[in-house]
């Protein structure tokens, strides 16, 4: 009886352990995505993610695309040197760390808890240089080279392992772009800490990772260029107004076709200090640069197109070009630097 009771306890404990694994739904190989050529043309790295979680179906599709079983039980979706399939895929979620078992389509639990922070830094304890944006992504994929599958740790095995890890990562990059997710391939991570959490040996090396999530849905930028008016007449009217008010004119030359033009317009509108500086010292106009027949306009403004768009052309109250500002020098990341913009405005305020 005691033996039977003991066996029952072991069975219950084993059942509890298995219950922590995640059985994924079958990957949807018929999922509608961009074409391959469109995907290659638009693929890009993203380092900002929304707080929207991936569904189990999305997670299953993602893991399968990375290195799931493909045309038969002996091949996977990613190229593999000599078909050794030495790249093991681990999945870091808020709830825990898991290994993707492609044969069973299961995430096998390795540890409970959120270990995505280990991808933010390659320093012990997470100090120093960090990339905390990875914590925004709901999923962190880690590619691990298993040298035991090669039977060697020589330079050739390391080279092929790195190549195959890159193959898995590229599958992730292309799938995310095609399916409307976003990611970035990375090498920064705390390798020693990951080895401990994932129960790896010295023959198993974390080599790459991809944070994965949904893109941030930005509000559409307002179109500020009036394409129906004569830009030369618009400039003359602005100059007359500036002469009366004792100000100068800034022509933001560009068009609704230029996302950086719309970003700059949005930036100066939303910053109260910049908006006040412009309102007190300038007549500010958005001058549409037509895609055709713009020769007279460009000549009038000193050929600002050589600086790219938006080009910021400063005119005095007589309409003379005083300065053409290369707006790329005012940029910061995917936006603009307030201190640089303010310095430009104060340099040319009357």
C-alpha atoms as a PDB file:
ATOM      1  CA  UNK A   1       0.000   0.000   0.000  1.00  0.00           C
ATOM      2  CA  UNK A   2       2.804   2.411   0.937  1.00  0.00           C
ATOM      3  CA  UNK A   3       4.530   1.600  -2.346  1.00  0.00           C
ATOM      4  CA  UNK A   4       1.342   2.280  -4.280  1.00  0.00           C
ATOM      5  CA  UNK A   5       0.863   5.562  -2.413  1.00  0.00           C
ATOM      6  CA  UNK A   6       4.454   6.597  -3.179  1.00  0.00           C
ATOM      7  CA  UNK A   7       4.025   5.804  -6.879  1.00  0.00           C
ATOM      8  CA  UNK A   8       0.792   7.834  -6.932  1.00  0.00           C
ATOM      9  CA  UNK A   9       2.571  10.818  -5.422  1.00  0.00           C
ATOM     10  CA  UNK A  10       5.328  10.599  -8.032  1.00  0.00           C
ATOM     11  CA  UNK A  11       2.725  10.394 -10.797  1.00  0.00           C
ATOM     12  CA  UNK A  12       0.940  13.490  -9.477  1.00  0.00           C
ATOM     13  CA  UNK A  13       4.196  15.426  -9.218  1.00  0.00           C
ATOM     14  CA  UNK A  14       5.143  14.426 -12.746  1.00  0.00           C
ATOM     15  CA  UNK A  15       1.715  15.482 -13.983  1.00  0.00           C
ATOM     16  CA  UNK A  16       2.082  18.856 -12.309  1.00  0.00           C
ATOM     17  CA  UNK A  17       5.499  19.273 -13.936  1.00  0.00           C
ATOM     18  CA  UNK A  18       4.143  18.436 -17.351  1.00  0.00           C
ATOM     19  CA  UNK A  19       1.228  20.808 -16.846  1.00  0.00           C
ATOM     20  CA  UNK A  20       3.690  23.730 -16.915  1.00  0.00           C
ATOM     21  CA  UNK A  21       4.627  22.961 -20.517  1.00  0.00           C
ATOM     22  CA  UNK A  22       2.661  24.762 -23.226  1.00  0.00           C
ATOM     23  CA  UNK A  23       1.096  22.759 -26.023  1.00  0.00           C
ATOM     24  CA  UNK A  24       0.997  25.021 -29.057  1.00  0.00           C
ATOM     25  CA  UNK A  25      -1.748  24.919 -31.691  1.00  0.00           C
ATOM     26  CA  UNK A  26      -0.709  23.554 -35.055  1.00  0.00           C
ATOM     27  CA  UNK A  27       1.136  26.169 -37.084  1.00  0.00           C
ATOM     28  CA  UNK A  28      -1.041  27.778 -39.734  1.00  0.00           C
ATOM     29  CA  UNK A  29       0.985  27.275 -42.885  1.00  0.00           C
ATOM     30  CA  UNK A  30      -1.798  28.877 -44.937  1.00  0.00           C
ATOM     31  CA  UNK A  31      -1.616  32.178 -43.057  1.00  0.00           C
ATOM     32  CA  UNK A  32      -2.023  35.166 -45.356  1.00  0.00           C
ATOM     33  CA  UNK A  33       1.169  37.242 -45.450  1.00  0.00           C
ATOM     34  CA  UNK A  34       3.086  39.571 -47.754  1.00  0.00           C
ATOM     35  CA  UNK A  35       4.697  37.995 -50.783  1.00  0.00           C
ATOM     36  CA  UNK A  36       8.342  36.987 -50.486  1.00  0.00           C
ATOM     37  CA  UNK A  37       9.472  39.844 -52.738  1.00  0.00           C
ATOM     38  CA  UNK A  38       7.457  42.382 -50.742  1.00  0.00           C
ATOM     39  CA  UNK A  39       8.867  40.978 -47.513  1.00  0.00           C
ATOM     40  CA  UNK A  40      12.443  41.282 -48.717  1.00  0.00           C
ATOM     41  CA  UNK A  41      11.799  44.843 -49.871  1.00  0.00           C
ATOM     42  CA  UNK A  42      10.266  46.032 -46.588  1.00  0.00           C
ATOM     43  CA  UNK A  43      12.093  43.967 -43.942  1.00  0.00           C
ATOM     44  CA  UNK A  44      13.570  46.225 -41.268  1.00  0.00           C
ATOM     45  CA  UNK A  45      14.661  46.110 -37.641  1.00  0.00           C
ATOM     46  CA  UNK A  46      12.340  47.508 -34.968  1.00  0.00           C
ATOM     47  CA  UNK A  47      13.262  48.427 -31.408  1.00  0.00           C
ATOM     48  CA  UNK A  48       9.889  49.612 -30.129  1.00  0.00           C
ATOM     49  CA  UNK A  49       6.936  47.342 -29.393  1.00  0.00           C
ATOM     50  CA  UNK A  50       3.340  47.737 -28.274  1.00  0.00           C
ATOM     51  CA  UNK A  51       2.066  46.138 -25.070  1.00  0.00           C
ATOM     52  CA  UNK A  52      -0.145  43.786 -27.075  1.00  0.00           C
ATOM     53  CA  UNK A  53       0.598  40.120 -26.360  1.00  0.00           C
ATOM     54  CA  UNK A  54       1.096  37.460 -29.019  1.00  0.00           C
ATOM     55  CA  UNK A  55      -1.692  34.897 -29.268  1.00  0.00           C
ATOM     56  CA  UNK A  56      -0.858  31.216 -28.927  1.00  0.00           C
ATOM     57  CA  UNK A  57      -1.447  30.854 -32.667  1.00  0.00           C
ATOM     58  CA  UNK A  58       0.988  33.677 -33.431  1.00  0.00           C
ATOM     59  CA  UNK A  59       3.546  32.156 -31.074  1.00  0.00           C
ATOM     60  CA  UNK A  60       3.164  28.753 -32.708  1.00  0.00           C
ATOM     61  CA  UNK A  61       3.530  30.221 -36.205  1.00  0.00           C
ATOM     62  CA  UNK A  62       6.599  32.166 -35.076  1.00  0.00           C
ATOM     63  CA  UNK A  63       8.388  29.150 -33.572  1.00  0.00           C
ATOM     64  CA  UNK A  64       7.536  26.980 -36.560  1.00  0.00           C
ATOM     65  CA  UNK A  65       8.844  29.625 -38.960  1.00  0.00           C
ATOM     66  CA  UNK A  66      12.071  29.824 -36.931  1.00  0.00           C
ATOM     67  CA  UNK A  67      12.950  26.128 -36.936  1.00  0.00           C
ATOM     68  CA  UNK A  68       9.839  23.950 -36.974  1.00  0.00           C
ATOM     69  CA  UNK A  69       9.378  20.620 -38.715  1.00  0.00           C
ATOM     70  CA  UNK A  70       9.002  21.224 -42.448  1.00  0.00           C
ATOM     71  CA  UNK A  71       8.620  18.817 -45.346  1.00  0.00           C
ATOM     72  CA  UNK A  72       9.138  15.698 -43.206  1.00  0.00           C
ATOM     73  CA  UNK A  73      10.091  14.641 -39.690  1.00  0.00           C
ATOM     74  CA  UNK A  74      13.811  14.857 -40.432  1.00  0.00           C
ATOM     75  CA  UNK A  75      13.996  18.427 -41.739  1.00  0.00           C
ATOM     76  CA  UNK A  76      13.291  21.887 -40.322  1.00  0.00           C
ATOM     77  CA  UNK A  77      12.364  25.242 -41.842  1.00  0.00           C
ATOM     78  CA  UNK A  78      15.862  26.727 -41.358  1.00  0.00           C
ATOM     79  CA  UNK A  79      18.952  25.545 -43.278  1.00  0.00           C
ATOM     80  CA  UNK A  80      21.246  23.436 -41.090  1.00  0.00           C
ATOM     81  CA  UNK A  81      24.825  22.322 -41.715  1.00  0.00           C
ATOM     82  CA  UNK A  82      24.806  18.585 -42.523  1.00  0.00           C
ATOM     83  CA  UNK A  83      21.258  18.633 -41.134  1.00  0.00           C
ATOM     84  CA  UNK A  84      22.702  18.505 -37.614  1.00  0.00           C
ATOM     85  CA  UNK A  85      19.905  20.815 -36.372  1.00  0.00           C
ATOM     86  CA  UNK A  86      22.250  22.024 -33.664  1.00  0.00           C
ATOM     87  CA  UNK A  87      20.358  25.269 -33.011  1.00  0.00           C
ATOM     88  CA  UNK A  88      18.037  24.976 -30.024  1.00  0.00           C
ATOM     89  CA  UNK A  89      15.335  27.633 -29.749  1.00  0.00           C
ATOM     90  CA  UNK A  90      14.355  29.014 -26.352  1.00  0.00           C
ATOM     91  CA  UNK A  91      11.375  31.267 -25.715  1.00  0.00           C
ATOM     92  CA  UNK A  92      11.373  33.851 -22.922  1.00  0.00           C
ATOM     93  CA  UNK A  93       7.913  34.989 -21.841  1.00  0.00           C
ATOM     94  CA  UNK A  94       6.718  36.977 -18.862  1.00  0.00           C
ATOM     95  CA  UNK A  95       5.538  33.720 -17.285  1.00  0.00           C
ATOM     96  CA  UNK A  96       8.712  31.716 -17.764  1.00  0.00           C
ATOM     97  CA  UNK A  97      11.541  30.388 -19.935  1.00  0.00           C
ATOM     98  CA  UNK A  98      10.803  27.538 -22.350  1.00  0.00           C
ATOM     99  CA  UNK A  99      12.477  25.412 -25.007  1.00  0.00           C
ATOM    100  CA  UNK A 100      10.679  24.856 -28.297  1.00  0.00           C
ATOM    101  CA  UNK A 101      10.256  21.144 -28.990  1.00  0.00           C
ATOM    102  CA  UNK A 102       9.572  21.129 -32.738  1.00  0.00           C
ATOM    103  CA  UNK A 103       8.776  17.411 -32.904  1.00  0.00           C
ATOM    104  CA  UNK A 104       5.953  17.710 -30.353  1.00  0.00           C
ATOM    105  CA  UNK A 105       5.113  21.383 -31.046  1.00  0.00           C
ATOM    106  CA  UNK A 106       5.442  22.096 -27.336  1.00  0.00           C
ATOM    107  CA  UNK A 107       7.148  24.778 -25.242  1.00  0.00           C
ATOM    108  CA  UNK A 108       8.957  22.849 -22.511  1.00  0.00           C
ATOM    109  CA  UNK A 109       9.304  24.834 -19.310  1.00  0.00           C
ATOM    110  CA  UNK A 110      12.847  25.459 -18.110  1.00  0.00           C
ATOM    111  CA  UNK A 111      12.199  28.054 -15.404  1.00  0.00           C
ATOM    112  CA  UNK A 112       9.331  30.055 -13.962  1.00  0.00           C
ATOM    113  CA  UNK A 113       9.502  33.834 -13.989  1.00  0.00           C
ATOM    114  CA  UNK A 114      10.417  36.658 -16.333  1.00  0.00           C
ATOM    115  CA  UNK A 115      13.987  36.428 -17.649  1.00  0.00           C
ATOM    116  CA  UNK A 116      13.713  38.812 -20.615  1.00  0.00           C
ATOM    117  CA  UNK A 117      15.912  41.204 -18.643  1.00  0.00           C
ATOM    118  CA  UNK A 118      18.852  38.890 -19.368  1.00  0.00           C
ATOM    119  CA  UNK A 119      18.638  40.016 -23.002  1.00  0.00           C
ATOM    120  CA  UNK A 120      19.037  43.677 -22.074  1.00  0.00           C
ATOM    121  CA  UNK A 121      22.711  43.514 -21.087  1.00  0.00           C
ATOM    122  CA  UNK A 122      25.753  41.306 -21.564  1.00  0.00           C
ATOM    123  CA  UNK A 123      27.165  42.349 -18.190  1.00  0.00           C
ATOM    124  CA  UNK A 124      26.860  40.230 -15.069  1.00  0.00           C
ATOM    125  CA  UNK A 125      24.044  41.632 -12.961  1.00  0.00           C
ATOM    126  CA  UNK A 126      22.723  43.725 -15.852  1.00  0.00           C
ATOM    127  CA  UNK A 127      24.891  46.752 -15.007  1.00  0.00           C
ATOM    128  CA  UNK A 128      26.501  49.174 -17.450  1.00  0.00           C
ATOM    129  CA  UNK A 129      25.504  49.192 -21.120  1.00  0.00           C
ATOM    130  CA  UNK A 130      21.873  48.154 -21.494  1.00  0.00           C
ATOM    131  CA  UNK A 131      19.202  47.944 -24.184  1.00  0.00           C
ATOM    132  CA  UNK A 132      16.036  48.009 -22.120  1.00  0.00           C
ATOM    133  CA  UNK A 133      13.768  48.180 -25.160  1.00  0.00           C
ATOM    134  CA  UNK A 134      13.844  44.366 -25.230  1.00  0.00           C
ATOM    135  CA  UNK A 135      11.643  44.376 -22.124  1.00  0.00           C
ATOM    136  CA  UNK A 136       8.832  45.913 -24.194  1.00  0.00           C
ATOM    137  CA  UNK A 137       8.688  42.864 -26.454  1.00  0.00           C
ATOM    138  CA  UNK A 138       6.379  40.138 -25.068  1.00  0.00           C
ATOM    139  CA  UNK A 139       8.571  37.381 -26.542  1.00  0.00           C
ATOM    140  CA  UNK A 140      12.328  36.891 -26.519  1.00  0.00           C
ATOM    141  CA  UNK A 141      13.699  34.152 -28.783  1.00  0.00           C
ATOM    142  CA  UNK A 142      17.165  32.830 -27.952  1.00  0.00           C
ATOM    143  CA  UNK A 143      19.205  30.714 -30.383  1.00  0.00           C
ATOM    144  CA  UNK A 144      21.635  28.305 -28.709  1.00  0.00           C
ATOM    145  CA  UNK A 145      24.382  26.323 -30.471  1.00  0.00           C
ATOM    146  CA  UNK A 146      24.505  22.749 -29.173  1.00  0.00           C
ATOM    147  CA  UNK A 147      28.049  21.575 -29.949  1.00  0.00           C
ATOM    148  CA  UNK A 148      27.234  18.080 -28.702  1.00  0.00           C
ATOM    149  CA  UNK A 149      25.235  17.603 -31.906  1.00  0.00           C
ATOM    150  CA  UNK A 150      28.376  18.414 -33.905  1.00  0.00           C
ATOM    151  CA  UNK A 151      30.576  16.230 -31.729  1.00  0.00           C
ATOM    152  CA  UNK A 152      33.148  19.006 -31.810  1.00  0.00           C
ATOM    153  CA  UNK A 153      33.833  22.521 -30.554  1.00  0.00           C
ATOM    154  CA  UNK A 154      36.524  23.426 -33.072  1.00  0.00           C
ATOM    155  CA  UNK A 155      36.526  26.606 -35.153  1.00  0.00           C
ATOM    156  CA  UNK A 156      34.610  24.991 -38.000  1.00  0.00           C
ATOM    157  CA  UNK A 157      31.850  23.843 -35.658  1.00  0.00           C
ATOM    158  CA  UNK A 158      31.642  27.356 -34.180  1.00  0.00           C
ATOM    159  CA  UNK A 159      31.515  28.941 -37.643  1.00  0.00           C
ATOM    160  CA  UNK A 160      28.756  26.632 -38.856  1.00  0.00           C
ATOM    161  CA  UNK A 161      26.829  27.067 -35.621  1.00  0.00           C
ATOM    162  CA  UNK A 162      26.947  30.833 -36.018  1.00  0.00           C
ATOM    163  CA  UNK A 163      25.784  30.538 -39.630  1.00  0.00           C
ATOM    164  CA  UNK A 164      22.878  28.284 -38.647  1.00  0.00           C
ATOM    165  CA  UNK A 165      21.871  30.574 -35.787  1.00  0.00           C
ATOM    166  CA  UNK A 166      21.794  33.376 -38.340  1.00  0.00           C
ATOM    167  CA  UNK A 167      19.585  31.216 -40.564  1.00  0.00           C
ATOM    168  CA  UNK A 168      17.082  30.723 -37.747  1.00  0.00           C
ATOM    169  CA  UNK A 169      17.186  34.429 -36.894  1.00  0.00           C
ATOM    170  CA  UNK A 170      16.607  35.403 -40.520  1.00  0.00           C
ATOM    171  CA  UNK A 171      13.581  33.096 -40.653  1.00  0.00           C
ATOM    172  CA  UNK A 172      12.257  35.019 -37.649  1.00  0.00           C
ATOM    173  CA  UNK A 173      13.021  38.384 -39.260  1.00  0.00           C
ATOM    174  CA  UNK A 174      11.292  37.502 -42.520  1.00  0.00           C
ATOM    175  CA  UNK A 175       8.276  35.897 -40.871  1.00  0.00           C
ATOM    176  CA  UNK A 176       7.737  38.905 -38.613  1.00  0.00           C
ATOM    177  CA  UNK A 177       7.861  41.306 -41.542  1.00  0.00           C
ATOM    178  CA  UNK A 178       5.513  39.156 -43.615  1.00  0.00           C
ATOM    179  CA  UNK A 179       3.013  38.575 -40.800  1.00  0.00           C
ATOM    180  CA  UNK A 180       2.860  42.118 -39.375  1.00  0.00           C
ATOM    181  CA  UNK A 181       5.020  41.483 -36.299  1.00  0.00           C
ATOM    182  CA  UNK A 182       8.325  43.217 -35.597  1.00  0.00           C
ATOM    183  CA  UNK A 183      11.762  42.216 -34.350  1.00  0.00           C
ATOM    184  CA  UNK A 184      15.493  42.924 -34.442  1.00  0.00           C
ATOM    185  CA  UNK A 185      18.374  40.383 -34.510  1.00  0.00           C
ATOM    186  CA  UNK A 186      20.759  40.869 -31.588  1.00  0.00           C
ATOM    187  CA  UNK A 187      23.847  39.423 -29.915  1.00  0.00           C
ATOM    188  CA  UNK A 188      23.686  41.338 -26.614  1.00  0.00           C
ATOM    189  CA  UNK A 189      22.657  39.108 -23.683  1.00  0.00           C
ATOM    190  CA  UNK A 190      23.962  37.763 -20.377  1.00  0.00           C
ATOM    191  CA  UNK A 191      25.251  34.418 -21.654  1.00  0.00           C
ATOM    192  CA  UNK A 192      26.301  32.989 -18.289  1.00  0.00           C
ATOM    193  CA  UNK A 193      23.009  33.852 -16.607  1.00  0.00           C
ATOM    194  CA  UNK A 194      21.047  32.373 -19.511  1.00  0.00           C
ATOM    195  CA  UNK A 195      23.074  29.172 -19.293  1.00  0.00           C
ATOM    196  CA  UNK A 196      22.045  28.844 -15.665  1.00  0.00           C
ATOM    197  CA  UNK A 197      18.358  29.626 -16.216  1.00  0.00           C
ATOM    198  CA  UNK A 198      18.037  27.370 -19.273  1.00  0.00           C
ATOM    199  CA  UNK A 199      20.058  24.521 -17.679  1.00  0.00           C
ATOM    200  CA  UNK A 200      22.691  24.536 -20.402  1.00  0.00           C
ATOM    201  CA  UNK A 201      26.119  22.917 -20.327  1.00  0.00           C
ATOM    202  CA  UNK A 202      29.440  24.423 -21.366  1.00  0.00           C
ATOM    203  CA  UNK A 203      28.893  22.754 -24.754  1.00  0.00           C
ATOM    204  CA  UNK A 204      25.742  24.802 -25.364  1.00  0.00           C
ATOM    205  CA  UNK A 205      26.265  28.465 -26.265  1.00  0.00           C
ATOM    206  CA  UNK A 206      23.584  31.210 -26.484  1.00  0.00           C
ATOM    207  CA  UNK A 207      24.638  33.082 -29.608  1.00  0.00           C
ATOM    208  CA  UNK A 208      21.746  35.281 -30.857  1.00  0.00           C
ATOM    209  CA  UNK A 209      18.339  36.542 -29.821  1.00  0.00           C
ATOM    210  CA  UNK A 210      15.297  38.209 -31.351  1.00  0.00           C
ATOM    211  CA  UNK A 211      12.783  40.190 -29.269  1.00  0.00           C
ATOM    212  CA  UNK A 212       9.394  39.888 -30.984  1.00  0.00           C
ATOM    213  CA  UNK A 213       6.175  41.853 -30.603  1.00  0.00           C
ATOM    214  CA  UNK A 214       3.515  43.875 -32.352  1.00  0.00           C
ATOM    215  CA  UNK A 215       4.458  47.287 -33.779  1.00  0.00           C
ATOM    216  CA  UNK A 216       3.423  50.479 -32.058  1.00  0.00           C
ATOM    217  CA  UNK A 217       0.504  51.970 -33.974  1.00  0.00           C
ATOM    218  CA  UNK A 218       1.337  55.641 -34.305  1.00  0.00           C
ATOM    219  CA  UNK A 219      -1.386  58.177 -34.958  1.00  0.00           C
ATOM    220  CA  UNK A 220      -1.388  59.292 -38.604  1.00  0.00           C
ATOM    221  CA  UNK A 221       0.481  62.545 -39.180  1.00  0.00           C
ATOM    222  CA  UNK A 222      -1.543  65.530 -40.354  1.00  0.00           C
ATOM    223  CA  UNK A 223      -0.981  66.644 -43.936  1.00  0.00           C
ATOM    224  CA  UNK A 224       0.082  70.293 -43.762  1.00  0.00           C
ATOM    225  CA  UNK A 225       0.927  71.133 -47.376  1.00  0.00           C
ATOM    226  CA  UNK A 226      -1.784  72.763 -49.491  1.00  0.00           C
ATOM    227  CA  UNK A 227      -1.182  71.384 -52.968  1.00  0.00           C
ATOM    228  CA  UNK A 228      -3.858  73.591 -54.577  1.00  0.00           C
ATOM    229  CA  UNK A 229      -2.211  76.992 -54.112  1.00  0.00           C
ATOM    230  CA  UNK A 230       0.561  78.710 -56.081  1.00  0.00           C
ATOM    231  CA  UNK A 231       3.705  78.402 -53.911  1.00  0.00           C
ATOM    232  CA  UNK A 232       5.296  81.527 -55.414  1.00  0.00           C
ATOM    233  CA  UNK A 233       2.221  83.577 -54.557  1.00  0.00           C
ATOM    234  CA  UNK A 234       2.182  81.983 -51.079  1.00  0.00           C
ATOM    235  CA  UNK A 235       5.780  83.122 -50.506  1.00  0.00           C
ATOM    236  CA  UNK A 236       5.062  86.679 -51.699  1.00  0.00           C
ATOM    237  CA  UNK A 237       2.093  86.953 -49.328  1.00  0.00           C
ATOM    238  CA  UNK A 238       4.219  85.677 -46.430  1.00  0.00           C
ATOM    239  CA  UNK A 239       6.961  88.213 -47.206  1.00  0.00           C
ATOM    240  CA  UNK A 240       4.455  91.093 -47.229  1.00  0.00           C
ATOM    241  CA  UNK A 241       3.049  89.930 -43.915  1.00  0.00           C
ATOM    242  CA  UNK A 242       6.555  89.650 -42.434  1.00  0.00           C
ATOM    243  CA  UNK A 243       7.466  93.175 -43.570  1.00  0.00           C
ATOM    244  CA  UNK A 244       4.373  94.584 -41.899  1.00  0.00           C
ATOM    245  CA  UNK A 245       5.008  92.638 -38.671  1.00  0.00           C
ATOM    246  CA  UNK A 246       8.772  93.232 -38.588  1.00  0.00           C
ATOM    247  CA  UNK A 247       9.560  89.500 -38.767  1.00  0.00           C
ATOM    248  CA  UNK A 248      11.297  87.010 -40.999  1.00  0.00           C
ATOM    249  CA  UNK A 249       9.845  84.157 -43.031  1.00  0.00           C
ATOM    250  CA  UNK A 250      10.581  80.457 -42.672  1.00  0.00           C
ATOM    251  CA  UNK A 251       9.548  78.321 -45.615  1.00  0.00           C
ATOM    252  CA  UNK A 252       9.340  74.648 -44.716  1.00  0.00           C
ATOM    253  CA  UNK A 253       9.777  73.223 -48.191  1.00  0.00           C
ATOM    254  CA  UNK A 254       8.593  69.668 -48.777  1.00  0.00           C
ATOM    255  CA  UNK A 255       5.321  67.876 -49.316  1.00  0.00           C
ATOM    256  CA  UNK A 256       2.725  65.523 -47.931  1.00  0.00           C
ATOM    257  CA  UNK A 257       4.695  62.733 -49.631  1.00  0.00           C
ATOM    258  CA  UNK A 258       7.597  63.328 -47.200  1.00  0.00           C
ATOM    259  CA  UNK A 259       7.152  61.656 -43.779  1.00  0.00           C
ATOM    260  CA  UNK A 260      10.021  63.669 -42.280  1.00  0.00           C
ATOM    261  CA  UNK A 261       8.307  66.885 -43.407  1.00  0.00           C
ATOM    262  CA  UNK A 262       5.125  65.831 -41.599  1.00  0.00           C
ATOM    263  CA  UNK A 263       7.099  64.750 -38.535  1.00  0.00           C
ATOM    264  CA  UNK A 264       8.775  68.144 -38.309  1.00  0.00           C
ATOM    265  CA  UNK A 265       5.458  69.959 -38.678  1.00  0.00           C
ATOM    266  CA  UNK A 266       3.967  67.766 -35.960  1.00  0.00           C
ATOM    267  CA  UNK A 267       7.006  68.291 -33.717  1.00  0.00           C
ATOM    268  CA  UNK A 268       6.974  72.094 -33.801  1.00  0.00           C
ATOM    269  CA  UNK A 269       3.189  72.217 -33.409  1.00  0.00           C
ATOM    270  CA  UNK A 270       3.154  70.078 -30.258  1.00  0.00           C
ATOM    271  CA  UNK A 271       6.064  71.751 -28.455  1.00  0.00           C
ATOM    272  CA  UNK A 272       4.726  74.900 -26.777  1.00  0.00           C
ATOM    273  CA  UNK A 273       8.113  76.619 -26.417  1.00  0.00           C
ATOM    274  CA  UNK A 274       9.032  76.093 -30.067  1.00  0.00           C
ATOM    275  CA  UNK A 275       5.566  77.153 -31.213  1.00  0.00           C
ATOM    276  CA  UNK A 276       5.867  80.345 -29.152  1.00  0.00           C
ATOM    277  CA  UNK A 277       9.324  81.133 -30.549  1.00  0.00           C
ATOM    278  CA  UNK A 278       8.026  80.766 -34.096  1.00  0.00           C
ATOM    279  CA  UNK A 279       4.857  82.755 -33.406  1.00  0.00           C
ATOM    280  CA  UNK A 280       6.796  85.713 -31.946  1.00  0.00           C
ATOM    281  CA  UNK A 281       9.545  85.978 -34.538  1.00  0.00           C
ATOM    282  CA  UNK A 282       8.533  84.413 -37.850  1.00  0.00           C
ATOM    283  CA  UNK A 283       5.897  84.025 -40.492  1.00  0.00           C
ATOM    284  CA  UNK A 284       6.021  80.250 -40.930  1.00  0.00           C
ATOM    285  CA  UNK A 285       4.639  78.614 -44.078  1.00  0.00           C
ATOM    286  CA  UNK A 286       4.610  75.110 -45.531  1.00  0.00           C
ATOM    287  CA  UNK A 287       5.648  75.398 -49.160  1.00  0.00           C
ATOM    288  CA  UNK A 288       4.669  72.448 -51.313  1.00  0.00           C
ATOM    289  CA  UNK A 289       7.420  71.290 -53.625  1.00  0.00           C
ATOM    290  CA  UNK A 290       5.665  69.743 -56.643  1.00  0.00           C
ATOM    291  CA  UNK A 291       7.186  66.593 -58.058  1.00  0.00           C
ATOM    292  CA  UNK A 292       7.170  68.256 -61.495  1.00  0.00           C
ATOM    293  CA  UNK A 293       7.527  71.859 -62.692  1.00  0.00           C
ATOM    294  CA  UNK A 294       9.243  73.177 -59.557  1.00  0.00           C
ATOM    295  CA  UNK A 295      12.130  74.964 -61.304  1.00  0.00           C
ATOM    296  CA  UNK A 296      10.885  78.525 -60.643  1.00  0.00           C
ATOM    297  CA  UNK A 297      10.129  77.725 -56.993  1.00  0.00           C
ATOM    298  CA  UNK A 298      13.507  76.148 -56.373  1.00  0.00           C
ATOM    299  CA  UNK A 299      15.314  79.050 -58.024  1.00  0.00           C
ATOM    300  CA  UNK A 300      13.319  81.519 -55.930  1.00  0.00           C
ATOM    301  CA  UNK A 301      14.408  79.772 -52.715  1.00  0.00           C
ATOM    302  CA  UNK A 302      18.063  79.194 -53.585  1.00  0.00           C
ATOM    303  CA  UNK A 303      17.722  75.569 -54.712  1.00  0.00           C
ATOM    304  CA  UNK A 304      17.043  74.071 -51.260  1.00  0.00           C
ATOM    305  CA  UNK A 305      16.527  70.572 -52.663  1.00  0.00           C
ATOM    306  CA  UNK A 306      20.273  69.948 -52.447  1.00  0.00           C
ATOM    307  CA  UNK A 307      19.784  69.543 -48.664  1.00  0.00           C
ATOM    308  CA  UNK A 308      16.922  67.067 -48.887  1.00  0.00           C
ATOM    309  CA  UNK A 309      13.521  67.549 -47.269  1.00  0.00           C
ATOM    310  CA  UNK A 310      12.194  69.227 -45.331  1.00  0.00           C
ATOM    311  CA  UNK A 311      14.401  72.163 -46.265  1.00  0.00           C
ATOM    312  CA  UNK A 312      13.975  75.195 -43.987  1.00  0.00           C
ATOM    313  CA  UNK A 313      14.556  78.408 -45.923  1.00  0.00           C
ATOM    314  CA  UNK A 314      14.848  81.662 -43.959  1.00  0.00           C
ATOM    315  CA  UNK A 315      13.874  84.862 -45.826  1.00  0.00           C
ATOM    316  CA  UNK A 316      14.232  88.453 -44.682  1.00  0.00           C
ATOM    317  CA  UNK A 317      11.335  90.896 -44.887  1.00  0.00           C
ATOM    318  CA  UNK A 318      12.335  91.736 -48.468  1.00  0.00           C
ATOM    319  CA  UNK A 319      12.172  88.085 -49.540  1.00  0.00           C
ATOM    320  CA  UNK A 320      15.961  87.581 -49.746  1.00  0.00           C
ATOM    321  CA  UNK A 321      17.250  84.120 -48.846  1.00  0.00           C
ATOM    322  CA  UNK A 322      19.322  84.418 -45.670  1.00  0.00           C
ATOM    323  CA  UNK A 323      19.869  80.747 -44.838  1.00  0.00           C
ATOM    324  CA  UNK A 324      18.914  77.233 -45.922  1.00  0.00           C
ATOM    325  CA  UNK A 325      18.879  74.797 -43.016  1.00  0.00           C
ATOM    326  CA  UNK A 326      19.652  71.132 -43.589  1.00  0.00           C
ATOM    327  CA  UNK A 327      16.953  69.589 -41.363  1.00  0.00           C
ATOM    328  CA  UNK A 328      18.876  66.304 -41.085  1.00  0.00           C
ATOM    329  CA  UNK A 329      21.184  68.169 -38.683  1.00  0.00           C
ATOM    330  CA  UNK A 330      18.192  68.745 -36.397  1.00  0.00           C
ATOM    331  CA  UNK A 331      17.185  65.080 -36.225  1.00  0.00           C
ATOM    332  CA  UNK A 332      17.389  62.729 -33.277  1.00  0.00           C
ATOM    333  CA  UNK A 333      16.456  59.077 -33.787  1.00  0.00           C
ATOM    334  CA  UNK A 334      13.111  58.972 -35.563  1.00  0.00           C
ATOM    335  CA  UNK A 335      12.302  62.571 -34.610  1.00  0.00           C
ATOM    336  CA  UNK A 336      13.907  65.928 -33.879  1.00  0.00           C
ATOM    337  CA  UNK A 337      16.075  67.398 -31.132  1.00  0.00           C
ATOM    338  CA  UNK A 338      14.413  70.312 -29.352  1.00  0.00           C
ATOM    339  CA  UNK A 339      17.650  72.042 -28.342  1.00  0.00           C
ATOM    340  CA  UNK A 340      18.933  71.984 -31.931  1.00  0.00           C
ATOM    341  CA  UNK A 341      15.663  73.326 -33.322  1.00  0.00           C
ATOM    342  CA  UNK A 342      15.557  76.119 -30.727  1.00  0.00           C
ATOM    343  CA  UNK A 343      19.157  77.068 -31.499  1.00  0.00           C
ATOM    344  CA  UNK A 344      18.331  77.304 -35.211  1.00  0.00           C
ATOM    345  CA  UNK A 345      15.288  79.494 -34.541  1.00  0.00           C
ATOM    346  CA  UNK A 346      17.107  81.841 -32.138  1.00  0.00           C
ATOM    347  CA  UNK A 347      20.002  82.251 -34.578  1.00  0.00           C
ATOM    348  CA  UNK A 348      17.606  83.614 -37.223  1.00  0.00           C
ATOM    349  CA  UNK A 349      14.976  85.437 -35.193  1.00  0.00           C
ATOM    350  CA  UNK A 350      14.962  89.158 -35.947  1.00  0.00           C
END
